[in-house]
C-alpha atoms as a PDB file:
ATOM      1  CA  MET A   1      99.963 -15.156 140.045  1.00  0.00           C
ATOM      2  CA  THR A   2      98.964 -12.166 142.063  1.00  0.00           C
ATOM      3  CA  LEU A   3     102.583 -10.873 144.427  1.00  0.00           C
ATOM      4  CA  ILE A   4     101.910  -8.879 147.382  1.00  0.00           C
ATOM      5  CA  THR A   5     104.394  -6.111 147.717  1.00  0.00           C
ATOM      6  CA  GLU A   6     105.481  -3.075 149.772  1.00  0.00           C
ATOM      7  CA  PRO A   7     104.259   0.418 148.920  1.00  0.00           C
ATOM      8  CA  PRO A   8     105.099   1.558 145.637  1.00  0.00           C
ATOM      9  CA  LEU A   9     108.465   2.888 145.281  1.00  0.00           C
ATOM     10  CA  ARG A  10     108.879   6.389 144.377  1.00  0.00           C
ATOM     11  CA  VAL A  11     110.885   7.141 141.107  1.00  0.00           C
ATOM     12  CA  GLN A  12     111.373   9.791 138.488  1.00  0.00           C
ATOM     13  CA  PRO A  13     109.323   9.506 135.602  1.00  0.00           C
ATOM     14  CA  ALA A  14     110.106   6.767 133.174  1.00  0.00           C
ATOM     15  CA  MET A  15     112.062   7.429 130.347  1.00  0.00           C
ATOM     16  CA  PRO A  16     111.051   4.978 127.617  1.00  0.00           C
ATOM     17  CA  ALA A  17     111.380   4.957 123.848  1.00  0.00           C
ATOM     18  CA  ARG A  18     107.585   6.420 123.731  1.00  0.00           C
ATOM     19  CA  PRO A  19     106.162   7.484 126.877  1.00  0.00           C
ATOM     20  CA  PRO A  20     103.484   6.047 127.970  1.00  0.00           C
ATOM     21  CA  ALA A  21     100.066   7.365 127.634  1.00  0.00           C
ATOM     22  CA  PRO A  22      98.421   9.165 130.794  1.00  0.00           C
ATOM     23  CA  ALA A  23      95.429   6.318 131.503  1.00  0.00           C
ATOM     24  CA  ALA A  24      98.535   4.249 131.327  1.00  0.00           C
ATOM     25  CA  ARG A  25     100.288   5.912 133.454  1.00  0.00           C
ATOM     26  CA  GLU A  26      97.377   5.942 136.352  1.00  0.00           C
ATOM     27  CA  ALA A  27      96.666   2.053 135.859  1.00  0.00           C
ATOM     28  CA  ALA A  28     100.390   1.634 136.478  1.00  0.00           C
ATOM     29  CA  GLY A  29     101.636   3.566 139.456  1.00  0.00           C
ATOM     30  CA  PRO A  30     103.840   6.548 139.256  1.00  0.00           C
ATOM     31  CA  GLY A  31     106.860   6.416 136.516  1.00  0.00           C
ATOM     32  CA  THR A  32     105.675   2.788 135.320  1.00  0.00           C
ATOM     33  CA  SER A  33     103.357   1.883 132.334  1.00  0.00           C
ATOM     34  CA  THR A  34     102.025  -1.281 131.899  1.00  0.00           C
ATOM     35  CA  ASP A  35     103.552  -1.386 128.539  1.00  0.00           C
ATOM     36  CA  TRP A  36     106.715  -0.430 130.079  1.00  0.00           C
ATOM     37  CA  VAL A  37     106.434  -2.928 132.733  1.00  0.00           C
ATOM     38  CA  SER A  38     105.699  -5.986 129.798  1.00  0.00           C
ATOM     39  CA  ALA A  39     108.940  -4.662 128.225  1.00  0.00           C
ATOM     40  CA  TRP A  40     110.575  -5.165 131.516  1.00  0.00           C
ATOM     41  CA  CYS A  41     109.560  -8.977 131.930  1.00  0.00           C
ATOM     42  CA  ALA A  42     110.494  -9.810 128.951  1.00  0.00           C
ATOM     43  CA  MET A  43     113.890  -8.800 129.139  1.00  0.00           C
ATOM     44  CA  PRO A  44     116.015 -11.185 128.754  1.00  0.00           C
ATOM     45  CA  SER A  45     118.511 -11.043 130.999  1.00  0.00           C
ATOM     46  CA  MET A  46     118.879  -9.525 134.919  1.00  0.00           C
ATOM     47  CA  VAL A  47     121.798  -7.474 133.933  1.00  0.00           C
ATOM     48  CA  ASP A  48     118.481  -5.704 131.494  1.00  0.00           C
ATOM     49  CA  ARG A  49     116.432  -5.605 134.002  1.00  0.00           C
ATOM     50  CA  LEU A  50     118.781  -3.532 136.210  1.00  0.00           C
ATOM     51  CA  THR A  51     119.400  -1.160 133.433  1.00  0.00           C
ATOM     52  CA  ALA A  52     115.878  -0.363 132.919  1.00  0.00           C
ATOM     53  CA  ILE A  53     115.094   0.100 136.574  1.00  0.00           C
ATOM     54  CA  ASN A  54     118.479   2.831 136.788  1.00  0.00           C
ATOM     55  CA  ARG A  55     117.019   4.439 133.409  1.00  0.00           C
ATOM     56  CA  LEU A  56     114.102   4.476 135.304  1.00  0.00           C
ATOM     57  CA  ALA A  57     115.169   5.889 138.372  1.00  0.00           C
ATOM     58  CA  GLN A  58     117.609   8.153 136.165  1.00  0.00           C
ATOM     59  CA  ARG A  59     120.546   7.102 138.602  1.00  0.00           C
ATOM     60  CA  ARG A  60     122.576   4.197 139.470  1.00  0.00           C
ATOM     61  CA  LEU A  61     120.834   2.270 142.547  1.00  0.00           C
ATOM     62  CA  SER A  62     122.174  -0.167 144.765  1.00  0.00           C
ATOM     63  CA  SER A  63     121.482  -3.314 144.945  1.00  0.00           C
ATOM     64  CA  GLN A  64     119.188  -2.668 147.947  1.00  0.00           C
ATOM     65  CA  ALA A  65     117.365   0.496 146.311  1.00  0.00           C
ATOM     66  CA  ALA A  66     117.110  -1.773 143.168  1.00  0.00           C
ATOM     67  CA  ALA A  67     115.629  -4.799 144.792  1.00  0.00           C
ATOM     68  CA  GLU A  68     112.808  -2.513 146.260  1.00  0.00           C
ATOM     69  CA  ALA A  69     112.197  -1.362 142.825  1.00  0.00           C
ATOM     70  CA  TRP A  70     112.092  -5.081 141.306  1.00  0.00           C
ATOM     71  CA  LEU A  71     109.157  -5.579 144.410  1.00  0.00           C
ATOM     72  CA  HIS A  72     107.333  -2.758 143.169  1.00  0.00           C
ATOM     73  CA  LEU A  73     107.466  -3.683 139.295  1.00  0.00           C
ATOM     74  CA  LEU A  74     106.773  -7.481 140.446  1.00  0.00           C
ATOM     75  CA  GLY A  75     103.047  -6.037 142.159  1.00  0.00           C
ATOM     76  CA  LYS A  76     102.072  -4.797 138.475  1.00  0.00           C
ATOM     77  CA  THR A  77     102.955  -8.147 136.644  1.00  0.00           C
ATOM     78  CA  GLU A  78      99.545  -9.742 136.846  1.00  0.00           C
ATOM     79  CA  GLY A  79      97.914 -10.736 133.496  1.00  0.00           C
ATOM     80  CA  LEU A  80     101.949  -9.413 132.020  1.00  0.00           C
ATOM     81  CA  VAL A  81     103.939 -12.380 132.264  1.00  0.00           C
ATOM     82  CA  THR A  82     103.948 -15.970 131.225  1.00  0.00           C
ATOM     83  CA  PRO A  83     104.910 -18.717 134.246  1.00  0.00           C
ATOM     84  CA  ALA A  84     109.054 -18.913 132.571  1.00  0.00           C
ATOM     85  CA  GLN A  85     109.050 -14.811 133.083  1.00  0.00           C
ATOM     86  CA  MET A  86     108.025 -14.804 136.538  1.00  0.00           C
ATOM     87  CA  GLU A  87     110.278 -17.797 137.355  1.00  0.00           C
ATOM     88  CA  SER A  88     113.089 -15.747 135.927  1.00  0.00           C
ATOM     89  CA  LEU A  89     111.739 -12.700 137.848  1.00  0.00           C
ATOM     90  CA  LEU A  90     111.892 -14.473 141.061  1.00  0.00           C
ATOM     91  CA  ARG A  91     115.160 -16.304 140.675  1.00  0.00           C
ATOM     92  CA  GLN A  92     116.732 -13.146 139.747  1.00  0.00           C
ATOM     93  CA  PHE A  93     115.476 -11.398 142.750  1.00  0.00           C
ATOM     94  CA  LEU A  94     117.095 -14.053 145.142  1.00  0.00           C
ATOM     95  CA  MET A  95     120.380 -13.482 143.075  1.00  0.00           C
ATOM     96  CA  LEU A  96     119.969  -9.551 143.458  1.00  0.00           C
ATOM     97  CA  ALA A  97     118.425  -9.589 147.195  1.00  0.00           C
ATOM     98  CA  PRO A  98     119.002 -13.202 149.095  1.00  0.00           C
ATOM     99  CA  GLU A  99     119.107 -11.374 152.342  1.00  0.00           C
ATOM    100  CA  HIS A 100     115.845  -9.464 152.097  1.00  0.00           C
ATOM    101  CA  PRO A 101     112.896 -10.629 154.183  1.00  0.00           C
ATOM    102  CA  LYS A 102     110.701 -11.363 150.999  1.00  0.00           C
ATOM    103  CA  ALA A 103     113.376 -13.524 149.429  1.00  0.00           C
ATOM    104  CA  GLY A 104     112.294 -16.742 151.423  1.00  0.00           C
ATOM    105  CA  ALA A 105     108.356 -16.644 150.467  1.00  0.00           C
ATOM    106  CA  PHE A 106     109.380 -16.383 146.450  1.00  0.00           C
ATOM    107  CA  PHE A 107     112.261 -19.342 146.989  1.00  0.00           C
ATOM    108  CA  ASP A 108     108.719 -20.781 149.002  1.00  0.00           C
ATOM    109  CA  LEU A 109     106.754 -19.815 145.584  1.00  0.00           C
ATOM    110  CA  LEU A 110     109.039 -21.196 143.283  1.00  0.00           C
ATOM    111  CA  MET A 111     109.703 -24.281 144.749  1.00  0.00           C
ATOM    112  CA  ASN A 112     106.899 -25.792 146.682  1.00  0.00           C
ATOM    113  CA  ALA A 113     103.910 -25.902 144.174  1.00  0.00           C
ATOM    114  CA  PRO A 114     104.884 -29.532 142.391  1.00  0.00           C
ATOM    115  CA  SER A 115     102.247 -29.841 139.545  1.00  0.00           C
ATOM    116  CA  ALA A 116      98.760 -31.403 140.260  1.00  0.00           C
ATOM    117  CA  GLY A 117      99.118 -35.285 140.096  1.00  0.00           C
ATOM    118  CA  THR A 118     103.030 -34.885 139.967  1.00  0.00           C
ATOM    119  CA  PRO A 119     104.381 -38.213 141.484  1.00  0.00           C
ATOM    120  CA  GLN A 120     106.591 -37.913 144.644  1.00  0.00           C
ATOM    121  CA  PRO A 121     108.566 -41.008 144.831  1.00  0.00           C
ATOM    122  CA  GLU A 122     110.847 -42.199 147.395  1.00  0.00           C
ATOM    123  CA  ILE A 123     113.761 -41.494 144.932  1.00  0.00           C
ATOM    124  CA  VAL A 124     114.685 -40.518 141.664  1.00  0.00           C
ATOM    125  CA  PHE A 125     117.587 -41.464 139.403  1.00  0.00           C
ATOM    126  CA  MET A 126     118.748 -37.928 137.626  1.00  0.00           C
ATOM    127  CA  VAL A 127     121.098 -39.387 134.494  1.00  0.00           C
ATOM    128  CA  THR A 128     123.086 -36.244 133.485  1.00  0.00           C
ATOM    129  CA  SER A 129     123.602 -36.396 129.864  1.00  0.00           C
ATOM    130  CA  CYS A 130     124.133 -34.408 126.603  1.00  0.00           C
ATOM    131  CA  GLN A 131     122.518 -33.623 123.262  1.00  0.00           C
ATOM    132  CA  ARG A 132     125.388 -35.258 121.741  1.00  0.00           C
ATOM    133  CA  TYR A 133     125.172 -38.776 123.944  1.00  0.00           C
ATOM    134  CA  LEU A 134     121.085 -39.169 124.333  1.00  0.00           C
ATOM    135  CA  PRO A 135     121.005 -42.581 123.067  1.00  0.00           C
ATOM    136  CA  ARG A 136     123.425 -43.634 125.767  1.00  0.00           C
ATOM    137  CA  ALA A 137     121.585 -42.138 128.221  1.00  0.00           C
ATOM    138  CA  GLU A 138     118.669 -43.404 127.082  1.00  0.00           C
ATOM    139  CA  ALA A 139     119.641 -46.766 127.413  1.00  0.00           C
ATOM    140  CA  VAL A 140     120.598 -46.062 131.305  1.00  0.00           C
ATOM    141  CA  ARG A 141     117.241 -44.668 131.566  1.00  0.00           C
ATOM    142  CA  ARG A 142     115.443 -47.746 130.247  1.00  0.00           C
ATOM    143  CA  GLU A 143     117.740 -50.185 132.495  1.00  0.00           C
ATOM    144  CA  LEU A 144     116.530 -48.197 135.423  1.00  0.00           C
ATOM    145  CA  ALA A 145     113.023 -48.328 134.508  1.00  0.00           C
ATOM    146  CA  ALA A 146     113.087 -51.978 134.011  1.00  0.00           C
ATOM    147  CA  ARG A 147     114.608 -52.397 137.502  1.00  0.00           C
ATOM    148  CA  GLY A 148     111.538 -50.620 138.693  1.00  0.00           C
ATOM    149  CA  ALA A 149     113.603 -46.845 138.935  1.00  0.00           C
ATOM    150  CA  VAL A 150     111.864 -43.311 138.281  1.00  0.00           C
ATOM    151  CA  ALA A 151     114.492 -41.980 136.154  1.00  0.00           C
ATOM    152  CA  THR A 152     114.774 -38.726 133.974  1.00  0.00           C
ATOM    153  CA  ILE A 153     117.584 -37.186 131.679  1.00  0.00           C
ATOM    154  CA  VAL A 154     118.735 -33.662 132.024  1.00  0.00           C
ATOM    155  CA  VAL A 155     120.756 -31.842 129.565  1.00  0.00           C
ATOM    156  CA  GLY A 156     121.832 -28.321 128.814  1.00  0.00           C
ATOM    157  CA  ASP A 157     120.418 -26.218 125.927  1.00  0.00           C
ATOM    158  CA  PRO A 158     121.556 -22.206 126.586  1.00  0.00           C
ATOM    159  CA  SER A 159     118.620 -21.054 124.126  1.00  0.00           C
ATOM    160  CA  LEU A 160     116.152 -21.233 127.090  1.00  0.00           C
ATOM    161  CA  THR A 161     115.807 -19.205 130.308  1.00  0.00           C
ATOM    162  CA  VAL A 162     114.169 -21.744 132.189  1.00  0.00           C
ATOM    163  CA  ALA A 163     113.804 -25.567 132.029  1.00  0.00           C
ATOM    164  CA  VAL A 164     111.233 -27.498 129.357  1.00  0.00           C
ATOM    165  CA  ASP A 165     110.109 -30.805 130.301  1.00  0.00           C
ATOM    166  CA  ASP A 166     109.779 -33.396 126.907  1.00  0.00           C
ATOM    167  CA  GLY A 167     108.983 -36.002 129.347  1.00  0.00           C
ATOM    168  CA  ALA A 168     111.586 -38.206 129.975  1.00  0.00           C
ATOM    169  CA  VAL A 169     114.312 -35.409 128.777  1.00  0.00           C
ATOM    170  CA  VAL A 170     114.532 -32.323 130.588  1.00  0.00           C
ATOM    171  CA  ARG A 171     116.365 -29.507 129.070  1.00  0.00           C
ATOM    172  CA  LEU A 172     118.188 -27.013 131.275  1.00  0.00           C
ATOM    173  CA  PRO A 173     118.870 -23.665 130.890  1.00  0.00           C
ATOM    174  CA  VAL A 174     122.739 -24.250 130.737  1.00  0.00           C
ATOM    175  CA  ALA A 175     125.206 -25.213 128.141  1.00  0.00           C
ATOM    176  CA  ASP A 176     126.195 -28.376 127.811  1.00  0.00           C
ATOM    177  CA  GLY A 177     129.634 -29.625 127.887  1.00  0.00           C
ATOM    178  CA  TYR A 178     131.605 -30.916 130.188  1.00  0.00           C
ATOM    179  CA  GLU A 179     132.921 -28.087 131.845  1.00  0.00           C
ATOM    180  CA  ASP A 180     128.890 -26.996 132.485  1.00  0.00           C
ATOM    181  CA  LEU A 181     128.425 -30.138 134.470  1.00  0.00           C
ATOM    182  CA  PRO A 182     128.291 -27.978 137.706  1.00  0.00           C
ATOM    183  CA  GLY A 183     125.374 -25.847 136.516  1.00  0.00           C
ATOM    184  CA  LYS A 184     123.975 -28.238 134.441  1.00  0.00           C
ATOM    185  CA  VAL A 185     123.942 -30.668 137.768  1.00  0.00           C
ATOM    186  CA  LEU A 186     122.646 -27.744 140.040  1.00  0.00           C
ATOM    187  CA  GLU A 187     119.886 -26.798 137.636  1.00  0.00           C
ATOM    188  CA  GLY A 188     118.656 -30.570 137.801  1.00  0.00           C
ATOM    189  CA  LEU A 189     118.917 -30.928 141.166  1.00  0.00           C
ATOM    190  CA  SER A 190     116.482 -27.521 141.203  1.00  0.00           C
ATOM    191  CA  PHE A 191     114.158 -28.364 138.717  1.00  0.00           C
ATOM    192  CA  LEU A 192     112.948 -31.969 139.997  1.00  0.00           C
ATOM    193  CA  ARG A 193     112.836 -30.836 143.609  1.00  0.00           C
ATOM    194  CA  ARG A 194     110.546 -28.319 142.227  1.00  0.00           C
ATOM    195  CA  ARG A 195     108.774 -31.312 140.304  1.00  0.00           C
ATOM    196  CA  HIS A 196     108.497 -33.867 143.332  1.00  0.00           C
ATOM    197  CA  GLY A 197     108.419 -31.616 146.111  1.00  0.00           C
ATOM    198  CA  PRO A 198     110.813 -31.450 149.360  1.00  0.00           C
ATOM    199  CA  GLY A 199     110.546 -35.195 150.316  1.00  0.00           C
ATOM    200  CA  THR A 200     111.983 -36.760 147.712  1.00  0.00           C
ATOM    201  CA  CYS A 201     115.844 -38.689 147.473  1.00  0.00           C
ATOM    202  CA  LEU A 202     117.988 -38.235 143.851  1.00  0.00           C
ATOM    203  CA  VAL A 203     120.222 -40.138 142.684  1.00  0.00           C
ATOM    204  CA  LYS A 204     123.292 -38.049 140.301  1.00  0.00           C
ATOM    205  CA  LEU A 205     124.240 -40.996 137.835  1.00  0.00           C
ATOM    206  CA  ASP A 206     126.279 -40.616 134.574  1.00  0.00           C
ATOM    207  CA  ASP A 207     125.127 -41.535 131.137  1.00  0.00           C
ATOM    208  CA  ASP A 208     127.603 -44.619 130.785  1.00  0.00           C
ATOM    209  CA  LEU A 209     127.089 -46.872 133.579  1.00  0.00           C
ATOM    210  CA  ARG A 210     125.661 -50.290 133.556  1.00  0.00           C
ATOM    211  CA  PHE A 211     124.214 -52.149 136.980  1.00  0.00           C
ATOM    212  CA  SER A 212     124.307 -55.460 138.771  1.00  0.00           C
ATOM    213  CA  ALA A 213     121.911 -56.653 140.774  1.00  0.00           C
ATOM    214  CA  ARG A 214     122.647 -55.497 143.747  1.00  0.00           C
ATOM    215  CA  LEU A 215     120.988 -52.340 142.444  1.00  0.00           C
ATOM    216  CA  ASP A 216     118.145 -51.770 144.995  1.00  0.00           C
ATOM    217  CA  PRO A 217     116.624 -48.161 144.639  1.00  0.00           C
ATOM    218  CA  ALA A 218     114.607 -48.689 147.999  1.00  0.00           C
ATOM    219  CA  ALA A 219     117.851 -48.816 150.252  1.00  0.00           C
ATOM    220  CA  LEU A 220     119.181 -46.001 148.296  1.00  0.00           C
ATOM    221  CA  ALA A 221     116.689 -43.827 149.538  1.00  0.00           C
ATOM    222  CA  ALA A 222     116.721 -45.201 152.700  1.00  0.00           C
ATOM    223  CA  ALA A 223     120.342 -44.669 152.916  1.00  0.00           C
ATOM    224  CA  ALA A 224     120.525 -41.225 151.248  1.00  0.00           C
ATOM    225  CA  ARG A 225     116.830 -40.350 153.993  1.00  0.00           C
ATOM    226  CA  GLN A 226     118.969 -41.663 156.992  1.00  0.00           C
ATOM    227  CA  ARG A 227     122.878 -39.937 155.655  1.00  0.00           C
ATOM    228  CA  ASP A 228     121.718 -37.218 152.952  1.00  0.00           C
ATOM    229  CA  TYR A 229     125.184 -37.726 150.960  1.00  0.00           C
ATOM    230  CA  VAL A 230     125.738 -41.247 150.336  1.00  0.00           C
ATOM    231  CA  GLY A 231     128.685 -41.914 147.823  1.00  0.00           C
ATOM    232  CA  HIS A 232     132.305 -43.648 146.513  1.00  0.00           C
ATOM    233  CA  PRO A 233     134.495 -40.885 148.711  1.00  0.00           C
ATOM    234  CA  ILE A 234     137.670 -39.230 146.888  1.00  0.00           C
ATOM    235  CA  GLY A 235     139.925 -36.653 148.187  1.00  0.00           C
ATOM    236  CA  PRO A 236     140.939 -34.311 149.269  1.00  0.00           C
ATOM    237  CA  LEU A 237     144.894 -35.579 148.682  1.00  0.00           C
ATOM    238  CA  ASP A 238     143.891 -37.521 145.813  1.00  0.00           C
ATOM    239  CA  CYS A 239     141.968 -35.212 143.605  1.00  0.00           C
ATOM    240  CA  ASP A 240     143.222 -34.761 139.715  1.00  0.00           C
ATOM    241  CA  ARG A 241     143.963 -31.495 138.493  1.00  0.00           C
ATOM    242  CA  CYS A 242     143.459 -32.446 134.545  1.00  0.00           C
ATOM    243  CA  TRP A 243     140.781 -35.226 134.234  1.00  0.00           C
ATOM    244  CA  HIS A 244     138.954 -32.528 132.421  1.00  0.00           C
ATOM    245  CA  LEU A 245     141.712 -32.307 129.493  1.00  0.00           C
ATOM    246  CA  GLY A 246     140.154 -33.581 125.936  1.00  0.00           C
ATOM    247  CA  LYS A 247     137.187 -33.766 127.365  1.00  0.00           C
ATOM    248  CA  THR A 248     135.995 -30.260 127.308  1.00  0.00           C
ATOM    249  CA  SER A 249     134.465 -28.576 124.414  1.00  0.00           C
ATOM    250  CA  THR A 250     136.900 -25.573 124.966  1.00  0.00           C
ATOM    251  CA  PRO A 251     140.546 -25.398 125.770  1.00  0.00           C
ATOM    252  CA  THR A 252     140.525 -25.394 129.735  1.00  0.00           C
ATOM    253  CA  PRO A 253     143.232 -25.150 131.880  1.00  0.00           C
ATOM    254  CA  ALA A 254     144.387 -27.522 134.689  1.00  0.00           C
ATOM    255  CA  TYR A 255     142.188 -27.072 137.622  1.00  0.00           C
ATOM    256  CA  THR A 256     143.689 -24.824 140.474  1.00  0.00           C
ATOM    257  CA  ARG A 257     140.978 -24.708 143.278  1.00  0.00           C
ATOM    258  CA  ARG A 258     142.206 -26.124 146.768  1.00  0.00           C
ATOM    259  CA  SER A 259     140.496 -29.147 147.837  1.00  0.00           C
ATOM    260  CA  GLU A 260     137.889 -28.433 150.475  1.00  0.00           C
ATOM    261  CA  ALA A 261     136.650 -31.706 151.704  1.00  0.00           C
ATOM    262  CA  HIS A 262     135.881 -35.257 150.580  1.00  0.00           C
ATOM    263  CA  PHE A 263     132.823 -36.029 148.063  1.00  0.00           C
ATOM    264  CA  ALA A 264     131.452 -38.473 146.184  1.00  0.00           C
ATOM    265  CA  LYS A 265     132.533 -39.776 142.903  1.00  0.00           C
ATOM    266  CA  GLY A 266     130.423 -38.210 140.333  1.00  0.00           C
ATOM    267  CA  ALA A 267     130.058 -41.383 138.331  1.00  0.00           C
ATOM    268  CA  MET A 268     126.660 -41.962 140.994  1.00  0.00           C
ATOM    269  CA  TYR A 269     125.772 -40.759 144.313  1.00  0.00           C
ATOM    270  CA  ALA A 270     122.643 -40.196 146.443  1.00  0.00           C
ATOM    271  CA  LEU A 271     121.260 -37.012 147.834  1.00  0.00           C
ATOM    272  CA  GLY A 272     118.701 -37.309 150.798  1.00  0.00           C
ATOM    273  CA  PRO A 273     116.332 -34.361 151.066  1.00  0.00           C
ATOM    274  CA  ARG A 274     118.384 -32.034 153.210  1.00  0.00           C
ATOM    275  CA  ALA A 275     121.713 -32.185 151.158  1.00  0.00           C
ATOM    276  CA  ILE A 276     119.040 -31.290 148.270  1.00  0.00           C
ATOM    277  CA  GLU A 277     117.573 -28.315 149.892  1.00  0.00           C
ATOM    278  CA  THR A 278     121.586 -27.499 150.849  1.00  0.00           C
ATOM    279  CA  LEU A 279     122.407 -27.389 147.424  1.00  0.00           C
ATOM    280  CA  VAL A 280     119.339 -25.712 145.713  1.00  0.00           C
ATOM    281  CA  ARG A 281     119.404 -22.620 148.024  1.00  0.00           C
ATOM    282  CA  GLU A 282     122.806 -22.139 147.542  1.00  0.00           C
ATOM    283  CA  TRP A 283     122.614 -22.366 144.158  1.00  0.00           C
ATOM    284  CA  LEU A 284     119.480 -20.200 143.810  1.00  0.00           C
ATOM    285  CA  PHE A 285     120.504 -17.437 146.374  1.00  0.00           C
ATOM    286  CA  HIS A 286     124.669 -17.377 145.660  1.00  0.00           C
ATOM    287  CA  PRO A 287     125.448 -19.047 142.600  1.00  0.00           C
ATOM    288  CA  GLY A 288     128.471 -17.296 142.448  1.00  0.00           C
ATOM    289  CA  GLU A 289     129.884 -19.636 144.949  1.00  0.00           C
ATOM    290  CA  PHE A 290     130.421 -22.002 142.366  1.00  0.00           C
ATOM    291  CA  ALA A 291     132.094 -20.947 140.112  1.00  0.00           C
ATOM    292  CA  GLY A 292     135.637 -22.325 138.878  1.00  0.00           C
ATOM    293  CA  PHE A 293     134.770 -25.599 140.187  1.00  0.00           C
ATOM    294  CA  LEU A 294     134.488 -26.962 136.955  1.00  0.00           C
ATOM    295  CA  TYR A 295     134.043 -30.871 138.711  1.00  0.00           C
ATOM    296  CA  GLU A 296     130.238 -31.193 139.452  1.00  0.00           C
ATOM    297  CA  ASP A 297     131.420 -34.039 142.112  1.00  0.00           C
ATOM    298  CA  ARG A 298     133.768 -31.251 144.152  1.00  0.00           C
ATOM    299  CA  ALA A 299     131.512 -28.795 143.908  1.00  0.00           C
ATOM    300  CA  THR A 300     128.324 -30.675 145.462  1.00  0.00           C
ATOM    301  CA  GLY A 301     130.790 -32.277 148.376  1.00  0.00           C
ATOM    302  CA  ALA A 302     132.382 -28.617 148.775  1.00  0.00           C
ATOM    303  CA  MET A 303     128.946 -27.033 149.587  1.00  0.00           C
ATOM    304  CA  LEU A 304     127.759 -29.562 151.664  1.00  0.00           C
ATOM    305  CA  GLN A 305     130.519 -29.955 153.897  1.00  0.00           C
ATOM    306  CA  ARG A 306     130.170 -26.064 154.200  1.00  0.00           C
ATOM    307  CA  ALA A 307     126.734 -27.173 155.731  1.00  0.00           C
ATOM    308  CA  GLY A 308     128.230 -29.767 157.840  1.00  0.00           C
ATOM    309  CA  ILE A 309     126.762 -32.611 155.401  1.00  0.00           C
ATOM    310  CA  VAL A 310     129.904 -34.986 154.791  1.00  0.00           C
ATOM    311  CA  VAL A 311     130.013 -37.856 152.313  1.00  0.00           C
ATOM    312  CA  SER A 312     128.817 -41.243 153.841  1.00  0.00           C
ATOM    313  CA  PRO A 313     131.230 -43.693 152.419  1.00  0.00           C
ATOM    314  CA  VAL A 314     129.548 -46.601 149.857  1.00  0.00           C
ATOM    315  CA  SER A 315     131.528 -47.752 147.206  1.00  0.00           C
ATOM    316  CA  LEU A 316     130.227 -47.767 143.712  1.00  0.00           C
ATOM    317  CA  ALA A 317     130.212 -51.402 143.543  1.00  0.00           C
ATOM    318  CA  GLU A 318     127.845 -51.813 147.165  1.00  0.00           C
ATOM    319  CA  MET A 319     125.502 -49.257 145.076  1.00  0.00           C
ATOM    320  CA  GLY A 320     125.128 -51.771 142.262  1.00  0.00           C
ATOM    321  CA  VAL A 321     127.127 -50.318 139.238  1.00  0.00           C
ATOM    322  CA  ILE A 322     129.290 -51.774 137.150  1.00  0.00           C
ATOM    323  CA  PHE A 323     131.380 -48.859 135.594  1.00  0.00           C
ATOM    324  CA  GLU A 324     132.865 -49.039 132.629  1.00  0.00           C
ATOM    325  CA  HIS A 325     135.498 -46.268 131.725  1.00  0.00           C
ATOM    326  CA  GLU A 326     135.491 -44.945 128.433  1.00  0.00           C
ATOM    327  CA  GLU A 327     137.335 -41.545 127.534  1.00  0.00           C
ATOM    328  CA  ARG A 328     135.209 -39.066 125.549  1.00  0.00           C
ATOM    329  CA  TYR A 329     137.377 -36.605 123.574  1.00  0.00           C
ATOM    330  CA  VAL A 330     135.983 -33.733 121.472  1.00  0.00           C
ATOM    331  CA  ALA A 331     138.689 -34.313 119.162  1.00  0.00           C
ATOM    332  CA  ALA A 332     141.007 -36.718 118.268  1.00  0.00           C
ATOM    333  CA  PRO A 333     144.301 -36.585 120.404  1.00  0.00           C
END
């Protein structure tokens, strides 16, 4: 992948463990050997890469200066990086410098190139699950497929740095616990937006649902496309603050954020292209905005409300859901 970058940043001589050979220094530009750039691309985290840039410059850089160095290094990555490494580099640049003039082009590079031959259905059902409940999720996926719907299961896998597509199941680079649902849903939306392009609607649903004869994927797609955000409304006054107790993988205090908006009940809701684009952009550019929400449906509703998108009320029953509630305790109560 060739990237057009700014003129090379003037930096101090590099400080790798072993200084690069003169020929490598000349090929890579001042202060950055190909070996150094390759090692930088393979670093596991954004903090590691920023620390390396500071060491390269021999001073602590502001985020704006570090972004220019990041651009300079991106211009030297051709032939040195895997697609997964390039995805990480671009995503981390968006977090580092969301207002940079090149941020929009990098977002487009990430999101607007679905694989050749990838179907672009009117609507995709994203079955949100975890490794523990995959058999339950697969039963939901089969039921949806039998009704002509396109469905993908998403689970978390914190060992990953980018999503891995295993066919009907997509493993996302997030933790897999109940308390990690906001990140899982947003990563899932980002992956499916990238896979299917900007025109597909999405339905987020849990893995413990059953459906009545009223389930109509085409009608849900039409509603989402017309109204952006469709679901069973909750709040802001009736928001439970302790629903997660006994569900999280680690002890988690009561929820104490202010309720900002009505939101669609997380069991199932539909999103049109404008709502999806809003959430994906917010997640890639400003992921810290979702910190502390704990409940993914509240996070979704709050971020959409900030963008002027409010939930259009449609009950679960009207959408064709037969909701069979079942508590999921990690340990015996």
